[in-house]
Amino acid sequence: MTENEKNHRFMWQELAKTGGRDKKIPINKYDMPHAGSTCCYACIEVDEHNPDNCDYCPIKWSELPRENGSCPCLHTDSLYYKWVTIAEGNFQKKQFAKAISEMKWKG
């Protein structure tokens, strides 16, 4: 397991506990490594090997093809997209964050 994967899982587990909407909060609270402008450790993993190429994301966010060249995590059927669109503190937001923390990481 890479450091990026460990950090990804930890951050999302924290968000699953709190139902928080801001990924920066656990990153700052636990003095985690910088995760770029997206606060995404999967994006950091991509950038270490294939900068700015979401085709190499270690997480398979969607079964559907990319929409208009957008990143797979922003596809309307991805758990991340669903997490972003749920109200803060909502039980379903916690469930999505937990599911994201457990997603298979390629590599």
PDB file of N, CA and C in Angstrom:
ATOM      1  N   MET A   1       0.850  -1.175   0.000  1.00  0.00           N
ATOM      2  CA  MET A   1       0.000   0.000   0.000  1.00  0.00           C
ATOM      3  C   MET A   1       0.900   1.244   0.000  1.00  0.00           C
ATOM      4  N   THR A   2       0.656   2.154  -0.927  1.00  0.00           N
ATOM      5  CA  THR A   2       1.459   3.373  -1.007  1.00  0.00           C
ATOM      6  C   THR A   2       1.035   4.367   0.082  1.00  0.00           C
ATOM      7  N   GLU A   3       1.879   5.354   0.324  1.00  0.00           N
ATOM      8  CA  GLU A   3       1.534   6.403   1.288  1.00  0.00           C
ATOM      9  C   GLU A   3       0.296   7.164   0.830  1.00  0.00           C
ATOM     10  N   ASN A   4       0.182   7.382  -0.480  1.00  0.00           N
ATOM     11  CA  ASN A   4      -0.998   8.080  -0.989  1.00  0.00           C
ATOM     12  C   ASN A   4      -2.267   7.289  -0.712  1.00  0.00           C
ATOM     13  N   GLU A   5      -2.205   5.984  -0.875  1.00  0.00           N
ATOM     14  CA  GLU A   5      -3.383   5.157  -0.589  1.00  0.00           C
ATOM     15  C   GLU A   5      -3.712   5.205   0.900  1.00  0.00           C
ATOM     16  N   LYS A   6      -2.704   5.096   1.759  1.00  0.00           N
ATOM     17  CA  LYS A   6      -2.942   5.175   3.211  1.00  0.00           C
ATOM     18  C   LYS A   6      -3.592   6.508   3.579  1.00  0.00           C
ATOM     19  N   ASN A   7      -3.057   7.590   3.014  1.00  0.00           N
ATOM     20  CA  ASN A   7      -3.603   8.916   3.316  1.00  0.00           C
ATOM     21  C   ASN A   7      -5.023   9.057   2.781  1.00  0.00           C
ATOM     22  N   HIS A   8      -5.267   8.534   1.594  1.00  0.00           N
ATOM     23  CA  HIS A   8      -6.616   8.555   1.004  1.00  0.00           C
ATOM     24  C   HIS A   8      -7.594   7.855   1.938  1.00  0.00           C
ATOM     25  N   ARG A   9      -7.251   6.665   2.349  1.00  0.00           N
ATOM     26  CA  ARG A   9      -8.155   5.883   3.201  1.00  0.00           C
ATOM     27  C   ARG A   9      -8.386   6.585   4.544  1.00  0.00           C
ATOM     28  N   PHE A  10      -7.324   7.098   5.150  1.00  0.00           N
ATOM     29  CA  PHE A  10      -7.458   7.770   6.440  1.00  0.00           C
ATOM     30  C   PHE A  10      -8.343   9.006   6.319  1.00  0.00           C
ATOM     31  N   MET A  11      -8.088   9.837   5.313  1.00  0.00           N
ATOM     32  CA  MET A  11      -8.873  11.061   5.137  1.00  0.00           C
ATOM     33  C   MET A  11     -10.354  10.737   4.970  1.00  0.00           C
ATOM     34  N   TRP A  12     -10.666   9.756   4.129  1.00  0.00           N
ATOM     35  CA  TRP A  12     -12.070   9.415   3.887  1.00  0.00           C
ATOM     36  C   TRP A  12     -12.704   8.737   5.096  1.00  0.00           C
ATOM     37  N   GLN A  13     -11.935   7.986   5.872  1.00  0.00           N
ATOM     38  CA  GLN A  13     -12.474   7.409   7.103  1.00  0.00           C
ATOM     39  C   GLN A  13     -12.845   8.507   8.089  1.00  0.00           C
ATOM     40  N   GLU A  14     -12.023   9.534   8.167  1.00  0.00           N
ATOM     41  CA  GLU A  14     -12.334  10.670   9.039  1.00  0.00           C
ATOM     42  C   GLU A  14     -13.598  11.375   8.565  1.00  0.00           C
ATOM     43  N   LEU A  15     -13.734  11.584   7.270  1.00  0.00           N
ATOM     44  CA  LEU A  15     -14.934  12.225   6.728  1.00  0.00           C
ATOM     45  C   LEU A  15     -16.166  11.348   6.958  1.00  0.00           C
ATOM     46  N   ALA A  16     -15.975  10.033   6.964  1.00  0.00           N
ATOM     47  CA  ALA A  16     -17.096   9.123   7.225  1.00  0.00           C
ATOM     48  C   ALA A  16     -17.563   9.241   8.680  1.00  0.00           C
ATOM     49  N   LYS A  17     -16.649   9.538   9.575  1.00  0.00           N
ATOM     50  CA  LYS A  17     -17.012   9.703  10.989  1.00  0.00           C
ATOM     51  C   LYS A  17     -17.770  11.002  11.223  1.00  0.00           C
ATOM     52  N   THR A  18     -17.331  12.060  10.561  1.00  0.00           N
ATOM     53  CA  THR A  18     -17.866  13.392  10.852  1.00  0.00           C
ATOM     54  C   THR A  18     -18.998  13.824   9.934  1.00  0.00           C
ATOM     55  N   GLY A  19     -19.038  13.256   8.729  1.00  0.00           N
ATOM     56  CA  GLY A  19     -20.001  13.733   7.743  1.00  0.00           C
ATOM     57  C   GLY A  19     -19.581  15.068   7.161  1.00  0.00           C
ATOM     58  N   GLY A  20     -18.324  15.446   7.407  1.00  0.00           N
ATOM     59  CA  GLY A  20     -17.815  16.723   6.915  1.00  0.00           C
ATOM     60  C   GLY A  20     -17.769  16.795   5.403  1.00  0.00           C
ATOM     61  N   ARG A  21     -17.779  18.025   4.918  1.00  0.00           N
ATOM     62  CA  ARG A  21     -17.792  18.251   3.477  1.00  0.00           C
ATOM     63  C   ARG A  21     -16.449  18.771   2.960  1.00  0.00           C
ATOM     64  N   ASP A  22     -15.558  19.159   3.844  1.00  0.00           N
ATOM     65  CA  ASP A  22     -14.301  19.779   3.446  1.00  0.00           C
ATOM     66  C   ASP A  22     -13.142  18.815   3.686  1.00  0.00           C
ATOM     67  N   LYS A  23     -12.528  18.344   2.617  1.00  0.00           N
ATOM     68  CA  LYS A  23     -11.426  17.394   2.734  1.00  0.00           C
ATOM     69  C   LYS A  23     -10.204  18.014   3.401  1.00  0.00           C
ATOM     70  N   LYS A  24     -10.109  19.336   3.395  1.00  0.00           N
ATOM     71  CA  LYS A  24      -8.968  20.006   4.028  1.00  0.00           C
ATOM     72  C   LYS A  24      -8.980  19.856   5.541  1.00  0.00           C
ATOM     73  N   ILE A  25     -10.149  19.679   6.130  1.00  0.00           N
ATOM     74  CA  ILE A  25     -10.237  19.621   7.594  1.00  0.00           C
ATOM     75  C   ILE A  25      -9.442  18.444   8.161  1.00  0.00           C
ATOM     76  N   PRO A  26      -9.660  17.195   7.712  1.00  0.00           N
ATOM     77  CA  PRO A  26      -8.821  16.128   8.278  1.00  0.00           C
ATOM     78  C   PRO A  26      -7.356  16.263   7.877  1.00  0.00           C
ATOM     79  N   ILE A  27      -7.097  16.791   6.683  1.00  0.00           N
ATOM     80  CA  ILE A  27      -5.705  16.970   6.245  1.00  0.00           C
ATOM     81  C   ILE A  27      -4.988  17.919   7.203  1.00  0.00           C
ATOM     82  N   ASN A  28      -5.620  19.030   7.530  1.00  0.00           N
ATOM     83  CA  ASN A  28      -5.010  20.008   8.438  1.00  0.00           C
ATOM     84  C   ASN A  28      -5.010  19.526   9.885  1.00  0.00           C
ATOM     85  N   LYS A  29      -6.124  18.924  10.306  1.00  0.00           N
ATOM     86  CA  LYS A  29      -6.252  18.475  11.700  1.00  0.00           C
ATOM     87  C   LYS A  29      -5.165  17.467  12.065  1.00  0.00           C
ATOM     88  N   TYR A  30      -4.857  16.568  11.154  1.00  0.00           N
ATOM     89  CA  TYR A  30      -3.887  15.509  11.425  1.00  0.00           C
ATOM     90  C   TYR A  30      -2.533  15.775  10.782  1.00  0.00           C
ATOM     91  N   ASP A  31      -2.326  17.016  10.297  1.00  0.00           N
ATOM     92  CA  ASP A  31      -1.060  17.415   9.692  1.00  0.00           C
ATOM     93  C   ASP A  31      -0.611  16.411   8.626  1.00  0.00           C
ATOM     94  N   MET A  32      -1.555  16.063   7.768  1.00  0.00           N
ATOM     95  CA  MET A  32      -1.281  15.110   6.699  1.00  0.00           C
ATOM     96  C   MET A  32      -0.511  15.803   5.575  1.00  0.00           C
ATOM     97  N   PRO A  33       0.172  15.037   4.726  1.00  0.00           N
ATOM     98  CA  PRO A  33       0.895  15.654   3.608  1.00  0.00           C
ATOM     99  C   PRO A  33      -0.049  16.425   2.688  1.00  0.00           C
ATOM    100  N   HIS A  34       0.489  17.446   2.071  1.00  0.00           N
ATOM    101  CA  HIS A  34      -0.275  18.255   1.115  1.00  0.00           C
ATOM    102  C   HIS A  34      -0.856  17.351   0.032  1.00  0.00           C
ATOM    103  N   ALA A  35      -2.098  17.596  -0.345  1.00  0.00           N
ATOM    104  CA  ALA A  35      -2.768  16.743  -1.339  1.00  0.00           C
ATOM    105  C   ALA A  35      -3.166  17.530  -2.580  1.00  0.00           C
ATOM    106  N   GLY A  36      -2.434  18.571  -2.882  1.00  0.00           N
ATOM    107  CA  GLY A  36      -2.702  19.342  -4.082  1.00  0.00           C
ATOM    108  C   GLY A  36      -3.966  20.175  -3.979  1.00  0.00           C
ATOM    109  N   SER A  37      -4.279  20.864  -5.059  1.00  0.00           N
ATOM    110  CA  SER A  37      -5.439  21.760  -5.063  1.00  0.00           C
ATOM    111  C   SER A  37      -6.757  21.006  -4.948  1.00  0.00           C
ATOM    112  N   THR A  38      -6.755  19.721  -5.333  1.00  0.00           N
ATOM    113  CA  THR A  38      -7.976  18.921  -5.260  1.00  0.00           C
ATOM    114  C   THR A  38      -8.148  18.226  -3.915  1.00  0.00           C
ATOM    115  N   CYS A  39      -7.126  18.296  -3.059  1.00  0.00           N
ATOM    116  CA  CYS A  39      -7.132  17.559  -1.783  1.00  0.00           C
ATOM    117  C   CYS A  39      -7.432  16.088  -2.028  1.00  0.00           C
ATOM    118  N   CYS A  40      -6.780  15.537  -3.033  1.00  0.00           N
ATOM    119  CA  CYS A  40      -7.038  14.155  -3.430  1.00  0.00           C
ATOM    120  C   CYS A  40      -5.721  13.392  -3.550  1.00  0.00           C
ATOM    121  N   TYR A  41      -5.580  12.371  -2.729  1.00  0.00           N
ATOM    122  CA  TYR A  41      -4.356  11.575  -2.764  1.00  0.00           C
ATOM    123  C   TYR A  41      -4.297  10.655  -3.987  1.00  0.00           C
ATOM    124  N   ALA A  42      -5.442  10.325  -4.561  1.00  0.00           N
ATOM    125  CA  ALA A  42      -5.436   9.563  -5.821  1.00  0.00           C
ATOM    126  C   ALA A  42      -4.872  10.442  -6.938  1.00  0.00           C
ATOM    127  N   CYS A  43      -5.223  11.723  -6.937  1.00  0.00           N
ATOM    128  CA  CYS A  43      -4.667  12.659  -7.928  1.00  0.00           C
ATOM    129  C   CYS A  43      -3.153  12.801  -7.749  1.00  0.00           C
ATOM    130  N   ILE A  44      -2.703  12.825  -6.501  1.00  0.00           N
ATOM    131  CA  ILE A  44      -1.265  12.913  -6.225  1.00  0.00           C
ATOM    132  C   ILE A  44      -0.571  11.670  -6.767  1.00  0.00           C
ATOM    133  N   GLU A  45      -1.187  10.509  -6.578  1.00  0.00           N
ATOM    134  CA  GLU A  45      -0.633   9.254  -7.100  1.00  0.00           C
ATOM    135  C   GLU A  45      -0.505   9.326  -8.620  1.00  0.00           C
ATOM    136  N   VAL A  46      -1.526   9.829  -9.287  1.00  0.00           N
ATOM    137  CA  VAL A  46      -1.493   9.988 -10.751  1.00  0.00           C
ATOM    138  C   VAL A  46      -0.347  10.911 -11.142  1.00  0.00           C
ATOM    139  N   ASP A  47      -0.269  12.066 -10.496  1.00  0.00           N
ATOM    140  CA  ASP A  47       0.723  13.073 -10.865  1.00  0.00           C
ATOM    141  C   ASP A  47       2.157  12.599 -10.661  1.00  0.00           C
ATOM    142  N   GLU A  48       2.370  11.655  -9.759  1.00  0.00           N
ATOM    143  CA  GLU A  48       3.717  11.122  -9.548  1.00  0.00           C
ATOM    144  C   GLU A  48       4.191  10.288 -10.730  1.00  0.00           C
ATOM    145  N   HIS A  49       3.252   9.770 -11.520  1.00  0.00           N
ATOM    146  CA  HIS A  49       3.616   8.871 -12.619  1.00  0.00           C
ATOM    147  C   HIS A  49       3.176   9.385 -13.991  1.00  0.00           C
ATOM    148  N   ASN A  50       2.015   9.987 -14.073  1.00  0.00           N
ATOM    149  CA  ASN A  50       1.442  10.461 -15.336  1.00  0.00           C
ATOM    150  C   ASN A  50       0.711  11.779 -15.087  1.00  0.00           C
ATOM    151  N   PRO A  51       1.454  12.861 -14.932  1.00  0.00           N
ATOM    152  CA  PRO A  51       0.836  14.134 -14.526  1.00  0.00           C
ATOM    153  C   PRO A  51      -0.397  14.521 -15.339  1.00  0.00           C
ATOM    154  N   ASP A  52      -1.430  14.903 -14.595  1.00  0.00           N
ATOM    155  CA  ASP A  52      -2.671  15.420 -15.171  1.00  0.00           C
ATOM    156  C   ASP A  52      -3.351  14.467 -16.149  1.00  0.00           C
ATOM    157  N   ASN A  53      -3.196  13.165 -15.933  1.00  0.00           N
ATOM    158  CA  ASN A  53      -3.846  12.194 -16.818  1.00  0.00           C
ATOM    159  C   ASN A  53      -4.734  11.281 -15.984  1.00  0.00           C
ATOM    160  N   CYS A  54      -5.979  11.659 -15.866  1.00  0.00           N
ATOM    161  CA  CYS A  54      -6.931  10.927 -15.015  1.00  0.00           C
ATOM    162  C   CYS A  54      -7.183   9.492 -15.478  1.00  0.00           C
ATOM    163  N   ASP A  55      -6.748   9.154 -16.685  1.00  0.00           N
ATOM    164  CA  ASP A  55      -6.893   7.769 -17.133  1.00  0.00           C
ATOM    165  C   ASP A  55      -6.085   6.828 -16.248  1.00  0.00           C
ATOM    166  N   TYR A  56      -5.104   7.366 -15.532  1.00  0.00           N
ATOM    167  CA  TYR A  56      -4.243   6.556 -14.677  1.00  0.00           C
ATOM    168  C   TYR A  56      -4.641   6.619 -13.203  1.00  0.00           C
ATOM    169  N   CYS A  57      -5.819   7.125 -12.919  1.00  0.00           N
ATOM    170  CA  CYS A  57      -6.283   7.192 -11.535  1.00  0.00           C
ATOM    171  C   CYS A  57      -6.304   5.782 -10.944  1.00  0.00           C
ATOM    172  N   PRO A  58      -5.807   5.613  -9.709  1.00  0.00           N
ATOM    173  CA  PRO A  58      -5.787   4.280  -9.104  1.00  0.00           C
ATOM    174  C   PRO A  58      -7.166   3.795  -8.646  1.00  0.00           C
ATOM    175  N   ILE A  59      -8.172   4.651  -8.759  1.00  0.00           N
ATOM    176  CA  ILE A  59      -9.521   4.281  -8.352  1.00  0.00           C
ATOM    177  C   ILE A  59     -10.422   4.267  -9.577  1.00  0.00           C
ATOM    178  N   LYS A  60     -11.201   3.205  -9.710  1.00  0.00           N
ATOM    179  CA  LYS A  60     -12.168   3.144 -10.803  1.00  0.00           C
ATOM    180  C   LYS A  60     -13.474   3.741 -10.288  1.00  0.00           C
ATOM    181  N   TRP A  61     -13.664   5.012 -10.589  1.00  0.00           N
ATOM    182  CA  TRP A  61     -14.806   5.749 -10.062  1.00  0.00           C
ATOM    183  C   TRP A  61     -16.102   5.418 -10.771  1.00  0.00           C
ATOM    184  N   SER A  62     -16.027   5.045 -12.029  1.00  0.00           N
ATOM    185  CA  SER A  62     -17.241   4.853 -12.817  1.00  0.00           C
ATOM    186  C   SER A  62     -17.046   3.752 -13.836  1.00  0.00           C
ATOM    187  N   GLU A  63     -18.106   3.068 -14.142  1.00  0.00           N
ATOM    188  CA  GLU A  63     -18.094   2.066 -15.203  1.00  0.00           C
ATOM    189  C   GLU A  63     -18.350   2.709 -16.565  1.00  0.00           C
ATOM    190  N   LEU A  64     -18.829   3.928 -16.548  1.00  0.00           N
ATOM    191  CA  LEU A  64     -19.200   4.624 -17.773  1.00  0.00           C
ATOM    192  C   LEU A  64     -18.007   5.379 -18.346  1.00  0.00           C
ATOM    193  N   PRO A  65     -18.036   5.667 -19.649  1.00  0.00           N
ATOM    194  CA  PRO A  65     -16.939   6.433 -20.241  1.00  0.00           C
ATOM    195  C   PRO A  65     -16.899   7.855 -19.685  1.00  0.00           C
ATOM    196  N   ARG A  66     -15.734   8.475 -19.767  1.00  0.00           N
ATOM    197  CA  ARG A  66     -15.577   9.852 -19.289  1.00  0.00           C
ATOM    198  C   ARG A  66     -16.525  10.776 -20.024  1.00  0.00           C
ATOM    199  N   GLU A  67     -17.056  11.751 -19.309  1.00  0.00           N
ATOM    200  CA  GLU A  67     -17.984  12.718 -19.881  1.00  0.00           C
ATOM    201  C   GLU A  67     -17.240  13.985 -20.273  1.00  0.00           C
ATOM    202  N   ASN A  68     -17.230  14.301 -21.551  1.00  0.00           N
ATOM    203  CA  ASN A  68     -16.614  15.541 -22.048  1.00  0.00           C
ATOM    204  C   ASN A  68     -15.189  15.733 -21.544  1.00  0.00           C
ATOM    205  N   GLY A  69     -14.433  14.657 -21.434  1.00  0.00           N
ATOM    206  CA  GLY A  69     -13.045  14.744 -21.008  1.00  0.00           C
ATOM    207  C   GLY A  69     -12.833  15.018 -19.532  1.00  0.00           C
ATOM    208  N   SER A  70     -13.902  15.021 -18.742  1.00  0.00           N
ATOM    209  CA  SER A  70     -13.748  15.292 -17.315  1.00  0.00           C
ATOM    210  C   SER A  70     -13.144  14.088 -16.603  1.00  0.00           C
ATOM    211  N   CYS A  71     -12.654  14.327 -15.413  1.00  0.00           N
ATOM    212  CA  CYS A  71     -12.074  13.244 -14.623  1.00  0.00           C
ATOM    213  C   CYS A  71     -13.157  12.246 -14.234  1.00  0.00           C
ATOM    214  N   PRO A  72     -12.825  10.960 -14.153  1.00  0.00           N
ATOM    215  CA  PRO A  72     -13.819   9.934 -13.826  1.00  0.00           C
ATOM    216  C   PRO A  72     -14.506  10.153 -12.469  1.00  0.00           C
ATOM    217  N   CYS A  73     -13.805  10.756 -11.520  1.00  0.00           N
ATOM    218  CA  CYS A  73     -14.412  10.985 -10.200  1.00  0.00           C
ATOM    219  C   CYS A  73     -15.558  11.994 -10.278  1.00  0.00           C
ATOM    220  N   LEU A  74     -15.592  12.790 -11.342  1.00  0.00           N
ATOM    221  CA  LEU A  74     -16.647  13.796 -11.497  1.00  0.00           C
ATOM    222  C   LEU A  74     -17.830  13.285 -12.304  1.00  0.00           C
ATOM    223  N   HIS A  75     -17.767  12.037 -12.733  1.00  0.00           N
ATOM    224  CA  HIS A  75     -18.879  11.434 -13.474  1.00  0.00           C
ATOM    225  C   HIS A  75     -20.092  11.355 -12.542  1.00  0.00           C
ATOM    226  N   THR A  76     -21.253  11.599 -13.063  1.00  0.00           N
ATOM    227  CA  THR A  76     -22.453  11.671 -12.224  1.00  0.00           C
ATOM    228  C   THR A  76     -22.797  10.359 -11.516  1.00  0.00           C
ATOM    229  N   ASP A  77     -22.230   9.241 -11.939  1.00  0.00           N
ATOM    230  CA  ASP A  77     -22.523   7.988 -11.232  1.00  0.00           C
ATOM    231  C   ASP A  77     -21.415   7.603 -10.240  1.00  0.00           C
ATOM    232  N   SER A  78     -20.387   8.452 -10.088  1.00  0.00           N
ATOM    233  CA  SER A  78     -19.298   8.102  -9.159  1.00  0.00           C
ATOM    234  C   SER A  78     -19.691   8.406  -7.714  1.00  0.00           C
ATOM    235  N   LEU A  79     -19.123   7.657  -6.797  1.00  0.00           N
ATOM    236  CA  LEU A  79     -19.387   7.899  -5.374  1.00  0.00           C
ATOM    237  C   LEU A  79     -18.911   9.286  -4.957  1.00  0.00           C
ATOM    238  N   TYR A  80     -17.800   9.744  -5.538  1.00  0.00           N
ATOM    239  CA  TYR A  80     -17.311  11.069  -5.174  1.00  0.00           C
ATOM    240  C   TYR A  80     -18.315  12.148  -5.574  1.00  0.00           C
ATOM    241  N   TYR A  81     -18.846  12.062  -6.783  1.00  0.00           N
ATOM    242  CA  TYR A  81     -19.844  13.035  -7.231  1.00  0.00           C
ATOM    243  C   TYR A  81     -21.054  13.012  -6.297  1.00  0.00           C
ATOM    244  N   LYS A  82     -21.474  11.820  -5.929  1.00  0.00           N
ATOM    245  CA  LYS A  82     -22.625  11.695  -5.029  1.00  0.00           C
ATOM    246  C   LYS A  82     -22.298  12.266  -3.648  1.00  0.00           C
ATOM    247  N   TRP A  83     -21.071  12.041  -3.163  1.00  0.00           N
ATOM    248  CA  TRP A  83     -20.664  12.582  -1.864  1.00  0.00           C
ATOM    249  C   TRP A  83     -20.702  14.110  -1.901  1.00  0.00           C
ATOM    250  N   VAL A  84     -20.212  14.699  -2.985  1.00  0.00           N
ATOM    251  CA  VAL A  84     -20.169  16.158  -3.100  1.00  0.00           C
ATOM    252  C   VAL A  84     -21.574  16.758  -3.095  1.00  0.00           C
ATOM    253  N   THR A  85     -22.546  16.061  -3.642  1.00  0.00           N
ATOM    254  CA  THR A  85     -23.880  16.637  -3.804  1.00  0.00           C
ATOM    255  C   THR A  85     -24.824  16.372  -2.632  1.00  0.00           C
ATOM    256  N   ILE A  86     -24.367  15.668  -1.589  1.00  0.00           N
ATOM    257  CA  ILE A  86     -25.207  15.377  -0.422  1.00  0.00           C
ATOM    258  C   ILE A  86     -24.954  16.443   0.649  1.00  0.00           C
ATOM    259  N   ALA A  87     -26.003  16.817   1.376  1.00  0.00           N
ATOM    260  CA  ALA A  87     -25.885  17.871   2.391  1.00  0.00           C
ATOM    261  C   ALA A  87     -24.935  17.479   3.520  1.00  0.00           C
ATOM    262  N   GLU A  88     -24.231  18.456   4.078  1.00  0.00           N
ATOM    263  CA  GLU A  88     -23.271  18.223   5.163  1.00  0.00           C
ATOM    264  C   GLU A  88     -23.955  17.588   6.375  1.00  0.00           C
ATOM    265  N   GLY A  89     -23.265  16.623   6.968  1.00  0.00           N
ATOM    266  CA  GLY A  89     -23.770  15.960   8.160  1.00  0.00           C
ATOM    267  C   GLY A  89     -24.794  14.879   7.867  1.00  0.00           C
ATOM    268  N   ASN A  90     -25.207  14.768   6.647  1.00  0.00           N
ATOM    269  CA  ASN A  90     -26.214  13.808   6.239  1.00  0.00           C
ATOM    270  C   ASN A  90     -25.675  12.391   6.411  1.00  0.00           C
ATOM    271  N   PHE A  91     -26.511  11.500   6.921  1.00  0.00           N
ATOM    272  CA  PHE A  91     -26.097  10.106   7.112  1.00  0.00           C
ATOM    273  C   PHE A  91     -25.603   9.489   5.806  1.00  0.00           C
ATOM    274  N   GLN A  92     -26.250   9.818   4.705  1.00  0.00           N
ATOM    275  CA  GLN A  92     -25.833   9.261   3.420  1.00  0.00           C
ATOM    276  C   GLN A  92     -24.444   9.760   3.023  1.00  0.00           C
ATOM    277  N   LYS A  93     -24.102  11.010   3.362  1.00  0.00           N
ATOM    278  CA  LYS A  93     -22.770  11.546   3.087  1.00  0.00           C
ATOM    279  C   LYS A  93     -21.719  10.700   3.825  1.00  0.00           C
ATOM    280  N   LYS A  94     -22.003  10.323   5.063  1.00  0.00           N
ATOM    281  CA  LYS A  94     -21.085   9.478   5.826  1.00  0.00           C
ATOM    282  C   LYS A  94     -20.928   8.110   5.161  1.00  0.00           C
ATOM    283  N   GLN A  95     -22.037   7.574   4.677  1.00  0.00           N
ATOM    284  CA  GLN A  95     -21.984   6.272   4.004  1.00  0.00           C
ATOM    285  C   GLN A  95     -21.137   6.341   2.735  1.00  0.00           C
ATOM    286  N   PHE A  96     -21.314   7.398   1.945  1.00  0.00           N
ATOM    287  CA  PHE A  96     -20.524   7.551   0.722  1.00  0.00           C
ATOM    288  C   PHE A  96     -19.041   7.687   1.066  1.00  0.00           C
ATOM    289  N   ALA A  97     -18.718   8.482   2.090  1.00  0.00           N
ATOM    290  CA  ALA A  97     -17.321   8.661   2.486  1.00  0.00           C
ATOM    291  C   ALA A  97     -16.719   7.327   2.934  1.00  0.00           C
ATOM    292  N   LYS A  98     -17.475   6.548   3.682  1.00  0.00           N
ATOM    293  CA  LYS A  98     -16.982   5.226   4.109  1.00  0.00           C
ATOM    294  C   LYS A  98     -16.735   4.333   2.901  1.00  0.00           C
ATOM    295  N   ALA A  99     -17.668   4.332   1.966  1.00  0.00           N
ATOM    296  CA  ALA A  99     -17.515   3.511   0.754  1.00  0.00           C
ATOM    297  C   ALA A  99     -16.306   3.961  -0.058  1.00  0.00           C
ATOM    298  N   ILE A 100     -16.079   5.276  -0.144  1.00  0.00           N
ATOM    299  CA  ILE A 100     -14.912   5.787  -0.869  1.00  0.00           C
ATOM    300  C   ILE A 100     -13.629   5.335  -0.174  1.00  0.00           C
ATOM    301  N   SER A 101     -13.622   5.350   1.143  1.00  0.00           N
ATOM    302  CA  SER A 101     -12.415   4.935   1.877  1.00  0.00           C
ATOM    303  C   SER A 101     -12.076   3.461   1.634  1.00  0.00           C
ATOM    304  N   GLU A 102     -13.064   2.686   1.243  1.00  0.00           N
ATOM    305  CA  GLU A 102     -12.873   1.240   1.049  1.00  0.00           C
ATOM    306  C   GLU A 102     -12.728   0.841  -0.420  1.00  0.00           C
ATOM    307  N   MET A 103     -12.783   1.804  -1.337  1.00  0.00           N
ATOM    308  CA  MET A 103     -12.707   1.476  -2.758  1.00  0.00           C
ATOM    309  C   MET A 103     -11.361   0.832  -3.099  1.00  0.00           C
ATOM    310  N   LYS A 104     -11.425  -0.097  -4.027  1.00  0.00           N
ATOM    311  CA  LYS A 104     -10.205  -0.777  -4.471  1.00  0.00           C
ATOM    312  C   LYS A 104      -9.258   0.230  -5.117  1.00  0.00           C
ATOM    313  N   TRP A 105      -8.010   0.089  -4.803  1.00  0.00           N
ATOM    314  CA  TRP A 105      -6.943   0.972  -5.303  1.00  0.00           C
ATOM    315  C   TRP A 105      -6.085   0.134  -6.246  1.00  0.00           C
ATOM    316  N   LYS A 106      -6.058   0.493  -7.520  1.00  0.00           N
ATOM    317  CA  LYS A 106      -5.264  -0.253  -8.510  1.00  0.00           C
ATOM    318  C   LYS A 106      -3.786  -0.045  -8.260  1.00  0.00           C
ATOM    319  N   GLY A 107      -3.023  -1.043  -8.588  1.00  0.00           N
ATOM    320  CA  GLY A 107      -1.577  -0.846  -8.495  1.00  0.00           C
ATOM    321  C   GLY A 107      -0.924  -1.866  -7.736  1.00  0.00           C
TER     322      GLY A 107
END
